Amino acid sequence: MARVDRRRAQRGVPLCLPQEEDAAETAVIRVAPAAKASVEALEKFTCVCSSDVVMTCTVCMDEVSSGTQLTRMPCCHVFHEDCTVKWLETRHTCPVCRFELPIREI
């Protein structure tokens, strides 16, 4: 059961606060890095695109130009190779659709 703290309510803070037993039941979401073997196995290629095609890496938000090294995720989303590696060092999901790669054994 939640308790009410009237002083917090006067300051615009929500009235209901979890009690200790409620807080213990709260799920903890941990982000795990992708397995190194999974990252190394991703398709890598060089961008060959015409000047009238504009692509953007959704990790760094920079434009992708012809000759740039790219990496394709299993879900078919494409990012700069360096951006993909940095992203997957801290997460195991695609930045766009959250497709999950295998995680590193801890």
PDB file of N, CA and C in Angstrom:
ATOM      1  N   MET A   1       0.842  -1.185   0.000  1.00  0.00           N
ATOM      2  CA  MET A   1       0.000   0.000   0.000  1.00  0.00           C
ATOM      3  C   MET A   1       0.883   1.242   0.000  1.00  0.00           C
ATOM      4  N   ALA A   2       0.531   2.238  -0.766  1.00  0.00           N
ATOM      5  CA  ALA A   2       1.307   3.468  -0.840  1.00  0.00           C
ATOM      6  C   ALA A   2       0.894   4.421   0.264  1.00  0.00           C
ATOM      7  N   ARG A   3       1.858   5.168   0.772  1.00  0.00           N
ATOM      8  CA  ARG A   3       1.540   6.160   1.802  1.00  0.00           C
ATOM      9  C   ARG A   3       1.483   7.542   1.159  1.00  0.00           C
ATOM     10  N   VAL A   4       0.816   8.456   1.817  1.00  0.00           N
ATOM     11  CA  VAL A   4       0.660   9.811   1.283  1.00  0.00           C
ATOM     12  C   VAL A   4       1.529  10.763   2.088  1.00  0.00           C
ATOM     13  N   ASP A   5       2.326  11.576   1.397  1.00  0.00           N
ATOM     14  CA  ASP A   5       3.170  12.578   2.033  1.00  0.00           C
ATOM     15  C   ASP A   5       2.632  13.944   1.618  1.00  0.00           C
ATOM     16  N   ARG A   6       1.891  14.585   2.500  1.00  0.00           N
ATOM     17  CA  ARG A   6       1.225  15.859   2.180  1.00  0.00           C
ATOM     18  C   ARG A   6       2.215  16.992   1.883  1.00  0.00           C
ATOM     19  N   ARG A   7       3.400  16.986   2.554  1.00  0.00           N
ATOM     20  CA  ARG A   7       4.381  18.039   2.289  1.00  0.00           C
ATOM     21  C   ARG A   7       4.869  17.972   0.852  1.00  0.00           C
ATOM     22  N   ARG A   8       5.102  16.770   0.350  1.00  0.00           N
ATOM     23  CA  ARG A   8       5.541  16.615  -1.038  1.00  0.00           C
ATOM     24  C   ARG A   8       4.433  17.028  -2.004  1.00  0.00           C
ATOM     25  N   ALA A   9       3.208  16.740  -1.639  1.00  0.00           N
ATOM     26  CA  ALA A   9       2.086  17.089  -2.510  1.00  0.00           C
ATOM     27  C   ALA A   9       1.981  18.607  -2.672  1.00  0.00           C
ATOM     28  N   GLN A  10       2.281  19.340  -1.636  1.00  0.00           N
ATOM     29  CA  GLN A  10       2.228  20.790  -1.701  1.00  0.00           C
ATOM     30  C   GLN A  10       3.307  21.355  -2.631  1.00  0.00           C
ATOM     31  N   ARG A  11       4.425  20.616  -2.793  1.00  0.00           N
ATOM     32  CA  ARG A  11       5.512  21.062  -3.657  1.00  0.00           C
ATOM     33  C   ARG A  11       5.371  20.526  -5.081  1.00  0.00           C
ATOM     34  N   GLY A  12       4.286  19.819  -5.390  1.00  0.00           N
ATOM     35  CA  GLY A  12       4.075  19.306  -6.730  1.00  0.00           C
ATOM     36  C   GLY A  12       4.652  17.925  -6.968  1.00  0.00           C
ATOM     37  N   VAL A  13       5.103  17.267  -5.895  1.00  0.00           N
ATOM     38  CA  VAL A  13       5.631  15.910  -6.002  1.00  0.00           C
ATOM     39  C   VAL A  13       4.447  14.952  -5.876  1.00  0.00           C
ATOM     40  N   PRO A  14       4.418  13.863  -6.625  1.00  0.00           N
ATOM     41  CA  PRO A  14       3.287  12.931  -6.557  1.00  0.00           C
ATOM     42  C   PRO A  14       2.963  12.499  -5.133  1.00  0.00           C
ATOM     43  N   LEU A  15       1.671  12.302  -4.863  1.00  0.00           N
ATOM     44  CA  LEU A  15       1.208  11.943  -3.532  1.00  0.00           C
ATOM     45  C   LEU A  15       1.597  10.532  -3.115  1.00  0.00           C
ATOM     46  N   CYS A  16       1.533   9.588  -4.025  1.00  0.00           N
ATOM     47  CA  CYS A  16       1.755   8.188  -3.666  1.00  0.00           C
ATOM     48  C   CYS A  16       3.229   7.828  -3.759  1.00  0.00           C
ATOM     49  N   LEU A  17       3.760   7.313  -2.697  1.00  0.00           N
ATOM     50  CA  LEU A  17       5.146   6.874  -2.661  1.00  0.00           C
ATOM     51  C   LEU A  17       5.167   5.389  -2.319  1.00  0.00           C
ATOM     52  N   PRO A  18       6.020   4.608  -2.959  1.00  0.00           N
ATOM     53  CA  PRO A  18       6.055   3.173  -2.643  1.00  0.00           C
ATOM     54  C   PRO A  18       6.608   2.935  -1.246  1.00  0.00           C
ATOM     55  N   GLN A  19       6.024   1.958  -0.560  1.00  0.00           N
ATOM     56  CA  GLN A  19       6.568   1.563   0.727  1.00  0.00           C
ATOM     57  C   GLN A  19       7.724   0.623   0.475  1.00  0.00           C
ATOM     58  N   GLU A  20       8.464   0.296   1.519  1.00  0.00           N
ATOM     59  CA  GLU A  20       9.655  -0.529   1.365  1.00  0.00           C
ATOM     60  C   GLU A  20       9.373  -1.857   0.686  1.00  0.00           C
ATOM     61  N   GLU A  21       8.266  -2.531   1.052  1.00  0.00           N
ATOM     62  CA  GLU A  21       7.985  -3.823   0.440  1.00  0.00           C
ATOM     63  C   GLU A  21       7.646  -3.669  -1.049  1.00  0.00           C
ATOM     64  N   ASP A  22       7.030  -2.536  -1.446  1.00  0.00           N
ATOM     65  CA  ASP A  22       6.744  -2.280  -2.857  1.00  0.00           C
ATOM     66  C   ASP A  22       8.039  -2.043  -3.624  1.00  0.00           C
ATOM     67  N   ALA A  23       8.995  -1.324  -3.025  1.00  0.00           N
ATOM     68  CA  ALA A  23      10.258  -1.018  -3.683  1.00  0.00           C
ATOM     69  C   ALA A  23      11.062  -2.284  -3.939  1.00  0.00           C
ATOM     70  N   ALA A  24      10.961  -3.254  -3.042  1.00  0.00           N
ATOM     71  CA  ALA A  24      11.705  -4.503  -3.212  1.00  0.00           C
ATOM     72  C   ALA A  24      11.194  -5.299  -4.404  1.00  0.00           C
ATOM     73  N   GLU A  25       9.936  -5.109  -4.776  1.00  0.00           N
ATOM     74  CA  GLU A  25       9.338  -5.837  -5.894  1.00  0.00           C
ATOM     75  C   GLU A  25       9.577  -5.142  -7.233  1.00  0.00           C
ATOM     76  N   THR A  26      10.100  -3.937  -7.222  1.00  0.00           N
ATOM     77  CA  THR A  26      10.330  -3.188  -8.447  1.00  0.00           C
ATOM     78  C   THR A  26      11.407  -3.859  -9.277  1.00  0.00           C
ATOM     79  N   ALA A  27      11.113  -4.066 -10.556  1.00  0.00           N
ATOM     80  CA  ALA A  27      12.075  -4.731 -11.451  1.00  0.00           C
ATOM     81  C   ALA A  27      13.246  -3.804 -11.741  1.00  0.00           C
ATOM     82  N   VAL A  28      14.425  -4.393 -11.795  1.00  0.00           N
ATOM     83  CA  VAL A  28      15.633  -3.656 -12.136  1.00  0.00           C
ATOM     84  C   VAL A  28      16.011  -4.048 -13.558  1.00  0.00           C
ATOM     85  N   ILE A  29      16.127  -3.055 -14.425  1.00  0.00           N
ATOM     86  CA  ILE A  29      16.498  -3.313 -15.808  1.00  0.00           C
ATOM     87  C   ILE A  29      17.982  -3.027 -15.953  1.00  0.00           C
ATOM     88  N   ARG A  30      18.730  -4.046 -16.353  1.00  0.00           N
ATOM     89  CA  ARG A  30      20.167  -3.886 -16.560  1.00  0.00           C
ATOM     90  C   ARG A  30      20.451  -4.033 -18.038  1.00  0.00           C
ATOM     91  N   VAL A  31      21.304  -3.198 -18.535  1.00  0.00           N
ATOM     92  CA  VAL A  31      21.682  -3.249 -19.934  1.00  0.00           C
ATOM     93  C   VAL A  31      22.998  -4.010 -20.037  1.00  0.00           C
ATOM     94  N   ALA A  32      23.006  -5.043 -20.879  1.00  0.00           N
ATOM     95  CA  ALA A  32      24.198  -5.877 -21.023  1.00  0.00           C
ATOM     96  C   ALA A  32      24.812  -5.654 -22.400  1.00  0.00           C
ATOM     97  N   PRO A  33      26.128  -5.695 -22.488  1.00  0.00           N
ATOM     98  CA  PRO A  33      26.779  -5.555 -23.799  1.00  0.00           C
ATOM     99  C   PRO A  33      26.570  -6.801 -24.655  1.00  0.00           C
ATOM    100  N   ALA A  34      26.683  -6.613 -25.948  1.00  0.00           N
ATOM    101  CA  ALA A  34      26.581  -7.744 -26.872  1.00  0.00           C
ATOM    102  C   ALA A  34      27.843  -8.593 -26.778  1.00  0.00           C
ATOM    103  N   ALA A  35      27.693  -9.867 -27.062  1.00  0.00           N
ATOM    104  CA  ALA A  35      28.842 -10.772 -27.071  1.00  0.00           C
ATOM    105  C   ALA A  35      29.823 -10.335 -28.152  1.00  0.00           C
ATOM    106  N   LYS A  36      31.106 -10.370 -27.825  1.00  0.00           N
ATOM    107  CA  LYS A  36      32.140  -9.933 -28.760  1.00  0.00           C
ATOM    108  C   LYS A  36      32.065 -10.715 -30.073  1.00  0.00           C
ATOM    109  N   ALA A  37      31.806 -12.007 -29.993  1.00  0.00           N
ATOM    110  CA  ALA A  37      31.706 -12.838 -31.197  1.00  0.00           C
ATOM    111  C   ALA A  37      30.535 -12.390 -32.077  1.00  0.00           C
ATOM    112  N   SER A  38      29.451 -11.945 -31.450  1.00  0.00           N
ATOM    113  CA  SER A  38      28.287 -11.466 -32.213  1.00  0.00           C
ATOM    114  C   SER A  38      28.618 -10.190 -32.967  1.00  0.00           C
ATOM    115  N   VAL A  39      29.350  -9.300 -32.320  1.00  0.00           N
ATOM    116  CA  VAL A  39      29.729  -8.030 -32.947  1.00  0.00           C
ATOM    117  C   VAL A  39      30.688  -8.288 -34.106  1.00  0.00           C
ATOM    118  N   GLU A  40      31.657  -9.169 -33.884  1.00  0.00           N
ATOM    119  CA  GLU A  40      32.631  -9.478 -34.935  1.00  0.00           C
ATOM    120  C   GLU A  40      31.988 -10.165 -36.139  1.00  0.00           C
ATOM    121  N   ALA A  41      30.887 -10.883 -35.914  1.00  0.00           N
ATOM    122  CA  ALA A  41      30.225 -11.617 -36.991  1.00  0.00           C
ATOM    123  C   ALA A  41      29.307 -10.743 -37.845  1.00  0.00           C
ATOM    124  N   LEU A  42      29.072  -9.505 -37.441  1.00  0.00           N
ATOM    125  CA  LEU A  42      28.178  -8.630 -38.208  1.00  0.00           C
ATOM    126  C   LEU A  42      28.773  -8.312 -39.576  1.00  0.00           C
ATOM    127  N   GLU A  43      27.896  -8.179 -40.568  1.00  0.00           N
ATOM    128  CA  GLU A  43      28.339  -7.868 -41.936  1.00  0.00           C
ATOM    129  C   GLU A  43      28.922  -6.462 -41.988  1.00  0.00           C
ATOM    130  N   LYS A  44      30.109  -6.348 -42.537  1.00  0.00           N
ATOM    131  CA  LYS A  44      30.770  -5.049 -42.708  1.00  0.00           C
ATOM    132  C   LYS A  44      30.981  -4.811 -44.192  1.00  0.00           C
ATOM    133  N   PHE A  45      30.750  -3.588 -44.632  1.00  0.00           N
ATOM    134  CA  PHE A  45      30.898  -3.267 -46.045  1.00  0.00           C
ATOM    135  C   PHE A  45      31.175  -1.774 -46.209  1.00  0.00           C
ATOM    136  N   THR A  46      31.584  -1.410 -47.414  1.00  0.00           N
ATOM    137  CA  THR A  46      31.868  -0.013 -47.733  1.00  0.00           C
ATOM    138  C   THR A  46      30.673   0.578 -48.476  1.00  0.00           C
ATOM    139  N   CYS A  47      30.258   1.751 -48.050  1.00  0.00           N
ATOM    140  CA  CYS A  47      29.121   2.422 -48.678  1.00  0.00           C
ATOM    141  C   CYS A  47      29.496   2.875 -50.089  1.00  0.00           C
ATOM    142  N   VAL A  48      28.675   2.503 -51.040  1.00  0.00           N
ATOM    143  CA  VAL A  48      28.820   2.959 -52.422  1.00  0.00           C
ATOM    144  C   VAL A  48      27.467   3.542 -52.797  1.00  0.00           C
ATOM    145  N   CYS A  49      27.306   4.842 -52.566  1.00  0.00           N
ATOM    146  CA  CYS A  49      26.017   5.464 -52.854  1.00  0.00           C
ATOM    147  C   CYS A  49      26.221   6.716 -53.698  1.00  0.00           C
ATOM    148  N   SER A  50      25.209   7.012 -54.480  1.00  0.00           N
ATOM    149  CA  SER A  50      25.291   8.185 -55.349  1.00  0.00           C
ATOM    150  C   SER A  50      25.127   9.456 -54.526  1.00  0.00           C
ATOM    151  N   SER A  51      25.494  10.561 -55.113  1.00  0.00           N
ATOM    152  CA  SER A  51      25.468  11.840 -54.395  1.00  0.00           C
ATOM    153  C   SER A  51      24.050  12.325 -54.095  1.00  0.00           C
ATOM    154  N   ASP A  52      23.052  11.801 -54.806  1.00  0.00           N
ATOM    155  CA  ASP A  52      21.679  12.249 -54.554  1.00  0.00           C
ATOM    156  C   ASP A  52      20.983  11.442 -53.449  1.00  0.00           C
ATOM    157  N   VAL A  53      21.647  10.396 -52.936  1.00  0.00           N
ATOM    158  CA  VAL A  53      21.099   9.593 -51.846  1.00  0.00           C
ATOM    159  C   VAL A  53      21.705  10.076 -50.535  1.00  0.00           C
ATOM    160  N   VAL A  54      20.848  10.400 -49.563  1.00  0.00           N
ATOM    161  CA  VAL A  54      21.325  10.870 -48.264  1.00  0.00           C
ATOM    162  C   VAL A  54      20.936   9.851 -47.201  1.00  0.00           C
ATOM    163  N   MET A  55      21.944   9.275 -46.565  1.00  0.00           N
ATOM    164  CA  MET A  55      21.733   8.344 -45.451  1.00  0.00           C
ATOM    165  C   MET A  55      22.305   8.977 -44.190  1.00  0.00           C
ATOM    166  N   THR A  56      21.694   8.670 -43.059  1.00  0.00           N
ATOM    167  CA  THR A  56      22.163   9.193 -41.781  1.00  0.00           C
ATOM    168  C   THR A  56      22.346   8.034 -40.811  1.00  0.00           C
ATOM    169  N   CYS A  57      23.457   8.036 -40.109  1.00  0.00           N
ATOM    170  CA  CYS A  57      23.693   7.058 -39.047  1.00  0.00           C
ATOM    171  C   CYS A  57      22.862   7.506 -37.843  1.00  0.00           C
ATOM    172  N   THR A  58      21.930   6.667 -37.403  1.00  0.00           N
ATOM    173  CA  THR A  58      21.055   7.077 -36.302  1.00  0.00           C
ATOM    174  C   THR A  58      21.718   6.998 -34.928  1.00  0.00           C
ATOM    175  N   VAL A  59      22.946   6.512 -34.864  1.00  0.00           N
ATOM    176  CA  VAL A  59      23.677   6.514 -33.596  1.00  0.00           C
ATOM    177  C   VAL A  59      24.323   7.879 -33.385  1.00  0.00           C
ATOM    178  N   CYS A  60      25.081   8.363 -34.381  1.00  0.00           N
ATOM    179  CA  CYS A  60      25.801   9.640 -34.239  1.00  0.00           C
ATOM    180  C   CYS A  60      25.100  10.798 -34.949  1.00  0.00           C
ATOM    181  N   MET A  61      24.098  10.480 -35.764  1.00  0.00           N
ATOM    182  CA  MET A  61      23.321  11.464 -36.526  1.00  0.00           C
ATOM    183  C   MET A  61      24.140  12.180 -37.601  1.00  0.00           C
ATOM    184  N   ASP A  62      25.290  11.617 -37.971  1.00  0.00           N
ATOM    185  CA  ASP A  62      26.090  12.178 -39.064  1.00  0.00           C
ATOM    186  C   ASP A  62      25.676  11.548 -40.386  1.00  0.00           C
ATOM    187  N   GLU A  63      25.918  12.280 -41.456  1.00  0.00           N
ATOM    188  CA  GLU A  63      25.614  11.779 -42.788  1.00  0.00           C
ATOM    189  C   GLU A  63      26.592  10.664 -43.159  1.00  0.00           C
ATOM    190  N   VAL A  64      26.089   9.667 -43.872  1.00  0.00           N
ATOM    191  CA  VAL A  64      26.918   8.567 -44.356  1.00  0.00           C
ATOM    192  C   VAL A  64      27.302   8.901 -45.794  1.00  0.00           C
ATOM    193  N   SER A  65      28.595   8.998 -46.043  1.00  0.00           N
ATOM    194  CA  SER A  65      29.054   9.333 -47.386  1.00  0.00           C
ATOM    195  C   SER A  65      29.652   8.113 -48.067  1.00  0.00           C
ATOM    196  N   SER A  66      29.777   8.181 -49.372  1.00  0.00           N
ATOM    197  CA  SER A  66      30.338   7.089 -50.151  1.00  0.00           C
ATOM    198  C   SER A  66      31.770   6.817 -49.687  1.00  0.00           C
ATOM    199  N   GLY A  67      32.124   5.543 -49.558  1.00  0.00           N
ATOM    200  CA  GLY A  67      33.450   5.159 -49.093  1.00  0.00           C
ATOM    201  C   GLY A  67      33.528   4.915 -47.603  1.00  0.00           C
ATOM    202  N   THR A  68      32.451   5.184 -46.874  1.00  0.00           N
ATOM    203  CA  THR A  68      32.411   4.993 -45.428  1.00  0.00           C
ATOM    204  C   THR A  68      32.231   3.517 -45.090  1.00  0.00           C
ATOM    205  N   GLN A  69      32.932   3.045 -44.050  1.00  0.00           N
ATOM    206  CA  GLN A  69      32.772   1.671 -43.579  1.00  0.00           C
ATOM    207  C   GLN A  69      31.486   1.571 -42.759  1.00  0.00           C
ATOM    208  N   LEU A  70      30.619   0.627 -43.105  1.00  0.00           N
ATOM    209  CA  LEU A  70      29.338   0.450 -42.432  1.00  0.00           C
ATOM    210  C   LEU A  70      29.217  -0.963 -41.888  1.00  0.00           C
ATOM    211  N   THR A  71      28.293  -1.129 -40.950  1.00  0.00           N
ATOM    212  CA  THR A  71      27.982  -2.440 -40.391  1.00  0.00           C
ATOM    213  C   THR A  71      26.476  -2.642 -40.469  1.00  0.00           C
ATOM    214  N   ARG A  72      26.084  -3.851 -40.915  1.00  0.00           N
ATOM    215  CA  ARG A  72      24.657  -4.187 -41.001  1.00  0.00           C
ATOM    216  C   ARG A  72      24.311  -5.115 -39.837  1.00  0.00           C
ATOM    217  N   MET A  73      23.302  -4.735 -39.079  1.00  0.00           N
ATOM    218  CA  MET A  73      22.817  -5.566 -37.979  1.00  0.00           C
ATOM    219  C   MET A  73      21.976  -6.711 -38.560  1.00  0.00           C
ATOM    220  N   PRO A  74      21.708  -7.771 -37.797  1.00  0.00           N
ATOM    221  CA  PRO A  74      20.878  -8.874 -38.283  1.00  0.00           C
ATOM    222  C   PRO A  74      19.466  -8.425 -38.682  1.00  0.00           C
ATOM    223  N   CYS A  75      19.002  -7.324 -38.125  1.00  0.00           N
ATOM    224  CA  CYS A  75      17.674  -6.789 -38.448  1.00  0.00           C
ATOM    225  C   CYS A  75      17.706  -5.932 -39.714  1.00  0.00           C
ATOM    226  N   CYS A  76      18.878  -5.816 -40.338  1.00  0.00           N
ATOM    227  CA  CYS A  76      19.130  -5.076 -41.582  1.00  0.00           C
ATOM    228  C   CYS A  76      19.312  -3.571 -41.409  1.00  0.00           C
ATOM    229  N   HIS A  77      19.327  -3.045 -40.178  1.00  0.00           N
ATOM    230  CA  HIS A  77      19.637  -1.628 -39.985  1.00  0.00           C
ATOM    231  C   HIS A  77      21.147  -1.435 -40.137  1.00  0.00           C
ATOM    232  N   VAL A  78      21.529  -0.305 -40.719  1.00  0.00           N
ATOM    233  CA  VAL A  78      22.930  -0.034 -41.055  1.00  0.00           C
ATOM    234  C   VAL A  78      23.417   1.204 -40.311  1.00  0.00           C
ATOM    235  N   PHE A  79      24.657   1.121 -39.775  1.00  0.00           N
ATOM    236  CA  PHE A  79      25.269   2.218 -39.029  1.00  0.00           C
ATOM    237  C   PHE A  79      26.746   2.293 -39.375  1.00  0.00           C
ATOM    238  N   HIS A  80      27.391   3.422 -39.020  1.00  0.00           N
ATOM    239  CA  HIS A  80      28.850   3.497 -39.149  1.00  0.00           C
ATOM    240  C   HIS A  80      29.446   2.328 -38.369  1.00  0.00           C
ATOM    241  N   GLU A  81      30.525   1.774 -38.875  1.00  0.00           N
ATOM    242  CA  GLU A  81      31.154   0.629 -38.206  1.00  0.00           C
ATOM    243  C   GLU A  81      31.569   0.982 -36.777  1.00  0.00           C
ATOM    244  N   ASP A  82      32.229   2.121 -36.586  1.00  0.00           N
ATOM    245  CA  ASP A  82      32.669   2.534 -35.252  1.00  0.00           C
ATOM    246  C   ASP A  82      31.494   2.782 -34.308  1.00  0.00           C
ATOM    247  N   CYS A  83      30.436   3.373 -34.843  1.00  0.00           N
ATOM    248  CA  CYS A  83      29.249   3.649 -34.020  1.00  0.00           C
ATOM    249  C   CYS A  83      28.616   2.351 -33.539  1.00  0.00           C
ATOM    250  N   THR A  84      28.562   1.359 -34.430  1.00  0.00           N
ATOM    251  CA  THR A  84      27.985   0.062 -34.067  1.00  0.00           C
ATOM    252  C   THR A  84      28.784  -0.589 -32.950  1.00  0.00           C
ATOM    253  N   VAL A  85      30.098  -0.590 -33.081  1.00  0.00           N
ATOM    254  CA  VAL A  85      30.954  -1.220 -32.069  1.00  0.00           C
ATOM    255  C   VAL A  85      30.795  -0.514 -30.726  1.00  0.00           C
ATOM    256  N   LYS A  86      30.847   0.808 -30.713  1.00  0.00           N
ATOM    257  CA  LYS A  86      30.707   1.562 -29.454  1.00  0.00           C
ATOM    258  C   LYS A  86      29.345   1.305 -28.815  1.00  0.00           C
ATOM    259  N   TRP A  87      28.281   1.299 -29.638  1.00  0.00           N
ATOM    260  CA  TRP A  87      26.924   1.071 -29.147  1.00  0.00           C
ATOM    261  C   TRP A  87      26.830  -0.307 -28.489  1.00  0.00           C
ATOM    262  N   LEU A  88      27.338  -1.325 -29.168  1.00  0.00           N
ATOM    263  CA  LEU A  88      27.205  -2.696 -28.681  1.00  0.00           C
ATOM    264  C   LEU A  88      28.157  -3.034 -27.534  1.00  0.00           C
ATOM    265  N   GLU A  89      29.089  -2.137 -27.219  1.00  0.00           N
ATOM    266  CA  GLU A  89      29.937  -2.331 -26.042  1.00  0.00           C
ATOM    267  C   GLU A  89      29.156  -2.117 -24.748  1.00  0.00           C
ATOM    268  N   THR A  90      28.040  -1.392 -24.829  1.00  0.00           N
ATOM    269  CA  THR A  90      27.240  -1.113 -23.636  1.00  0.00           C
ATOM    270  C   THR A  90      25.818  -1.651 -23.715  1.00  0.00           C
ATOM    271  N   ARG A  91      25.377  -2.047 -24.915  1.00  0.00           N
ATOM    272  CA  ARG A  91      24.012  -2.542 -25.103  1.00  0.00           C
ATOM    273  C   ARG A  91      24.052  -3.745 -26.036  1.00  0.00           C
ATOM    274  N   HIS A  92      22.996  -4.526 -26.046  1.00  0.00           N
ATOM    275  CA  HIS A  92      22.946  -5.675 -26.948  1.00  0.00           C
ATOM    276  C   HIS A  92      21.746  -5.604 -27.899  1.00  0.00           C
ATOM    277  N   THR A  93      21.237  -4.400 -28.093  1.00  0.00           N
ATOM    278  CA  THR A  93      20.072  -4.224 -28.954  1.00  0.00           C
ATOM    279  C   THR A  93      20.353  -3.238 -30.082  1.00  0.00           C
ATOM    280  N   CYS A  94      19.577  -3.370 -31.152  1.00  0.00           N
ATOM    281  CA  CYS A  94      19.672  -2.422 -32.265  1.00  0.00           C
ATOM    282  C   CYS A  94      19.184  -1.057 -31.778  1.00  0.00           C
ATOM    283  N   PRO A  95      19.862   0.038 -32.157  1.00  0.00           N
ATOM    284  CA  PRO A  95      19.432   1.372 -31.737  1.00  0.00           C
ATOM    285  C   PRO A  95      18.084   1.790 -32.317  1.00  0.00           C
ATOM    286  N   VAL A  96      17.653   1.144 -33.376  1.00  0.00           N
ATOM    287  CA  VAL A  96      16.394   1.525 -34.029  1.00  0.00           C
ATOM    288  C   VAL A  96      15.224   0.655 -33.579  1.00  0.00           C
ATOM    289  N   CYS A  97      15.371  -0.674 -33.713  1.00  0.00           N
ATOM    290  CA  CYS A  97      14.220  -1.560 -33.480  1.00  0.00           C
ATOM    291  C   CYS A  97      14.347  -2.437 -32.234  1.00  0.00           C
ATOM    292  N   ARG A  98      15.473  -2.350 -31.535  1.00  0.00           N
ATOM    293  CA  ARG A  98      15.739  -3.116 -30.313  1.00  0.00           C
ATOM    294  C   ARG A  98      15.868  -4.622 -30.549  1.00  0.00           C
ATOM    295  N   PHE A  99      16.225  -5.008 -31.764  1.00  0.00           N
ATOM    296  CA  PHE A  99      16.538  -6.408 -32.028  1.00  0.00           C
ATOM    297  C   PHE A  99      17.663  -6.810 -31.087  1.00  0.00           C
ATOM    298  N   GLU A 100      17.550  -7.976 -30.450  1.00  0.00           N
ATOM    299  CA  GLU A 100      18.535  -8.381 -29.451  1.00  0.00           C
ATOM    300  C   GLU A 100      19.602  -9.300 -30.024  1.00  0.00           C
ATOM    301  N   LEU A 101      20.860  -8.926 -29.794  1.00  0.00           N
ATOM    302  CA  LEU A 101      21.996  -9.793 -30.093  1.00  0.00           C
ATOM    303  C   LEU A 101      22.307 -10.589 -28.839  1.00  0.00           C
ATOM    304  N   PRO A 102      23.000 -11.730 -28.987  1.00  0.00           N
ATOM    305  CA  PRO A 102      23.399 -12.483 -27.786  1.00  0.00           C
ATOM    306  C   PRO A 102      24.260 -11.616 -26.881  1.00  0.00           C
ATOM    307  N   ILE A 103      24.124 -11.838 -25.564  1.00  0.00           N
ATOM    308  CA  ILE A 103      24.905 -11.044 -24.618  1.00  0.00           C
ATOM    309  C   ILE A 103      26.155 -11.792 -24.191  1.00  0.00           C
ATOM    310  N   ARG A 104      27.105 -11.020 -23.706  1.00  0.00           N
ATOM    311  CA  ARG A 104      28.372 -11.563 -23.226  1.00  0.00           C
ATOM    312  C   ARG A 104      28.125 -12.344 -21.932  1.00  0.00           C
ATOM    313  N   GLU A 105      28.806 -13.459 -21.818  1.00  0.00           N
ATOM    314  CA  GLU A 105      28.709 -14.268 -20.596  1.00  0.00           C
ATOM    315  C   GLU A 105      29.414 -13.525 -19.470  1.00  0.00           C
ATOM    316  N   ILE A 106      28.769 -13.414 -18.338  1.00  0.00           N
ATOM    317  CA  ILE A 106      29.349 -12.682 -17.201  1.00  0.00           C
ATOM    318  C   ILE A 106      29.816 -13.647 -16.152  1.00  0.00           C
TER     319      ILE A 106
END
